[in-house]
């Protein structure tokens, strides 16, 4: 089996900055409960030496939840300053962030159907040879296939 499972996610719109309102720490605690008390190690940094070291030392399918990827401007590629003006992330910093994400794992599974179309670093920047769609993505695609192949009438589709 896997030596570790690394979960990355986002919550809210923290605008590329740390904001305790949007931390995923409570999610790690709840996930542990949902998994019958299995330990879920919350890593307060998405990337960096401490995160890499913790994951490299993992064994026996240890579960990690990274902090909110949207705490990094490099995730979405831009943010808004205090005046509401759009600020672009430094392309070199975006590339470094993507490389650091890639170095954390051997296999990538995207189960975020709602953001699968976005050019966010955690969606398109993880360059691993083994990539897959998760069960939620599969379920959503099956639903769309059913609706489009044999819709109940009357039928209205609004796609955006």
Protein backbone atom coordinates (compact mmCIF):
# COMPACT_ATOMS: atom_id res chain seq x y z
CA UNK A 1 0.00 0.00 0.00
CA UNK A 2 0.84 3.65 -0.05
CA UNK A 3 3.21 5.00 2.57
CA UNK A 4 1.08 8.16 2.74
CA UNK A 5 -2.08 9.80 1.48
CA UNK A 6 -1.72 13.54 1.01
CA UNK A 7 -4.88 15.61 0.79
CA UNK A 8 -4.84 19.13 -0.59
CA UNK A 9 -7.88 21.35 -0.74
CA UNK A 10 -9.13 24.90 -0.61
CA UNK A 11 -11.73 26.70 1.44
CA UNK A 12 -13.23 30.11 0.79
CA UNK A 13 -11.50 32.97 -0.94
CA UNK A 14 -8.60 34.03 1.29
CA UNK A 15 -7.09 36.08 -1.54
CA UNK A 16 -3.67 34.43 -1.58
CA UNK A 17 -3.01 35.16 2.11
CA UNK A 18 -3.22 33.20 5.34
CA UNK A 19 -6.54 33.78 7.05
CA UNK A 20 -7.48 31.70 10.11
CA UNK A 21 -11.14 31.92 9.07
CA UNK A 22 -10.27 29.58 6.19
CA UNK A 23 -7.81 27.18 7.80
CA UNK A 24 -8.31 23.49 7.11
CA UNK A 25 -7.19 22.43 10.60
CA UNK A 26 -10.80 21.76 11.77
CA UNK A 27 -11.30 19.70 8.61
CA UNK A 28 -8.42 17.41 9.62
CA UNK A 29 -10.00 16.91 13.03
CA UNK A 30 -13.41 16.11 11.53
CA UNK A 31 -11.90 13.81 8.91
CA UNK A 32 -10.18 11.86 11.68
CA UNK A 33 -13.57 11.37 13.38
CA UNK A 34 -15.18 10.34 10.08
CA UNK A 35 -12.43 7.75 9.59
CA UNK A 36 -13.17 6.14 12.95
CA UNK A 37 -10.39 7.86 14.84
CA UNK A 38 -7.60 7.23 12.30
CA UNK A 39 -5.01 9.93 12.76
CA UNK A 40 -5.00 12.71 10.16
CA UNK A 41 -1.88 14.83 10.43
CA UNK A 42 -2.54 18.48 9.64
CA UNK A 43 0.42 20.19 7.99
CA UNK A 44 0.24 23.98 8.52
CA UNK A 45 2.25 24.68 5.37
CA UNK A 46 1.26 23.53 1.88
CA UNK A 47 4.85 23.31 0.67
CA UNK A 48 8.28 23.79 2.18
CA UNK A 49 10.95 21.90 4.04
CA UNK A 50 8.84 20.94 7.08
CA UNK A 51 6.02 19.62 4.89
CA UNK A 52 8.38 17.63 2.66
CA UNK A 53 10.22 16.21 5.69
CA UNK A 54 6.98 15.07 7.37
CA UNK A 55 5.74 13.37 4.21
CA UNK A 56 9.11 11.76 3.47
CA UNK A 57 9.09 10.22 6.98
CA UNK A 58 5.57 8.78 6.57
CA UNK A 59 4.73 5.10 6.69
CA UNK A 60 1.80 2.68 6.79
CA UNK A 61 -0.65 4.82 4.84
CA UNK A 62 -0.35 7.86 7.08
CA UNK A 63 -2.88 10.54 6.14
CA UNK A 64 -1.85 14.19 5.78
CA UNK A 65 -4.03 17.22 5.14
CA UNK A 66 -2.16 20.23 3.81
CA UNK A 67 -3.22 23.74 4.78
CA UNK A 68 -5.51 25.64 2.41
CA UNK A 69 -3.78 25.88 -0.99
CA UNK A 70 -5.50 29.23 -1.58
CA UNK A 71 -3.35 30.76 1.16
CA UNK A 72 -0.75 31.02 -1.63
CA UNK A 73 -1.18 33.58 -4.42
CA UNK A 74 0.59 31.01 -6.61
CA UNK A 75 -2.43 28.69 -6.42
CA UNK A 76 -4.81 30.88 -8.44
CA UNK A 77 -2.12 33.01 -10.05
CA UNK A 78 -3.51 36.32 -8.83
CA UNK A 79 -5.11 38.11 -5.89
CA UNK A 80 -6.52 41.52 -5.08
CA UNK A 81 -4.64 44.14 -3.09
CA UNK A 82 -6.20 46.28 -0.35
CA UNK A 83 -7.61 48.65 -3.00
CA UNK A 84 -9.26 45.82 -4.91
CA UNK A 85 -6.78 45.93 -7.78
CA UNK A 86 -5.75 42.62 -9.31
CA UNK A 87 -2.17 41.59 -8.55
CA UNK A 88 -0.57 38.81 -10.59
CA UNK A 89 1.65 36.22 -8.98
CA UNK A 90 5.28 36.09 -10.05
CA UNK A 91 5.48 33.42 -12.80
CA UNK A 92 8.72 32.03 -11.35
CA UNK A 93 7.07 31.70 -7.92
CA UNK A 94 4.08 29.93 -9.49
CA UNK A 95 6.40 27.48 -11.22
CA UNK A 96 8.33 26.85 -7.98
CA UNK A 97 5.05 26.28 -6.06
CA UNK A 98 3.90 23.80 -8.72
CA UNK A 99 7.23 21.97 -8.58
CA UNK A 100 7.06 21.76 -4.79
CA UNK A 101 3.53 20.34 -4.98
CA UNK A 102 4.66 17.79 -7.56
CA UNK A 103 7.56 16.65 -5.36
CA UNK A 104 5.18 15.66 -2.55
CA UNK A 105 3.57 12.69 -4.30
CA UNK A 106 3.85 9.91 -6.88
CA UNK A 107 0.19 9.74 -7.94
CA UNK A 108 -2.33 12.59 -8.41
CA UNK A 109 -6.09 12.14 -7.99
CA UNK A 110 -8.36 15.11 -8.67
CA UNK A 111 -11.74 14.77 -7.02
CA UNK A 112 -12.75 18.43 -7.26
CA UNK A 113 -15.26 18.44 -10.10
CA UNK A 114 -16.24 22.06 -9.43
CA UNK A 115 -12.71 23.35 -10.02
CA UNK A 116 -11.42 20.79 -12.53
CA UNK A 117 -11.72 23.35 -15.33
CA UNK A 118 -9.65 26.01 -13.57
CA UNK A 119 -5.98 26.70 -14.26
CA UNK A 120 -5.05 26.56 -10.58
CA UNK A 121 -1.65 25.20 -9.58
CA UNK A 122 -3.11 22.27 -7.62
CA UNK A 123 -5.23 21.31 -10.64
CA UNK A 124 -2.95 21.80 -13.66
CA UNK A 125 0.48 22.31 -12.09
CA UNK A 126 1.08 18.93 -10.48
CA UNK A 127 3.16 17.17 -13.12
CA UNK A 128 2.98 13.50 -12.22
CA UNK A 129 2.87 10.65 -14.75
CA UNK A 130 0.06 8.86 -12.89
CA UNK A 131 -3.06 11.04 -12.78
CA UNK A 132 -6.66 10.04 -12.20
CA UNK A 133 -10.13 11.39 -11.56
CA UNK A 134 -11.68 10.57 -8.20
CA UNK A 135 -15.05 9.05 -7.34
CA UNK A 136 -16.87 12.42 -7.10
CA UNK A 137 -15.66 13.40 -10.58
CA UNK A 138 -16.78 9.99 -11.87
CA UNK A 139 -20.22 10.41 -10.28
CA UNK A 140 -20.69 13.89 -11.77
CA UNK A 141 -19.63 12.72 -15.24
CA UNK A 142 -22.02 9.75 -15.05
CA UNK A 143 -24.83 12.11 -14.06
CA UNK A 144 -24.12 14.43 -17.00
CA UNK A 145 -23.89 11.48 -19.40
CA UNK A 146 -27.28 10.20 -18.24
CA UNK A 147 -28.92 13.61 -18.51
CA UNK A 148 -27.46 14.33 -21.94
CA UNK A 149 -28.06 10.85 -23.41
CA UNK A 150 -31.62 10.27 -22.21
CA UNK A 151 -33.03 13.38 -20.56
CA UNK A 152 -36.46 13.48 -19.02
CA UNK A 153 -38.64 15.91 -20.95
CA UNK A 154 -39.11 18.82 -20.70
CA UNK A 155 -35.36 19.37 -20.64
CA UNK A 156 -33.35 22.55 -20.08
CA UNK A 157 -29.57 22.70 -19.83
CA UNK A 158 -27.74 25.80 -18.67
CA UNK A 159 -23.98 25.40 -18.98
CA UNK A 160 -21.48 28.03 -18.05
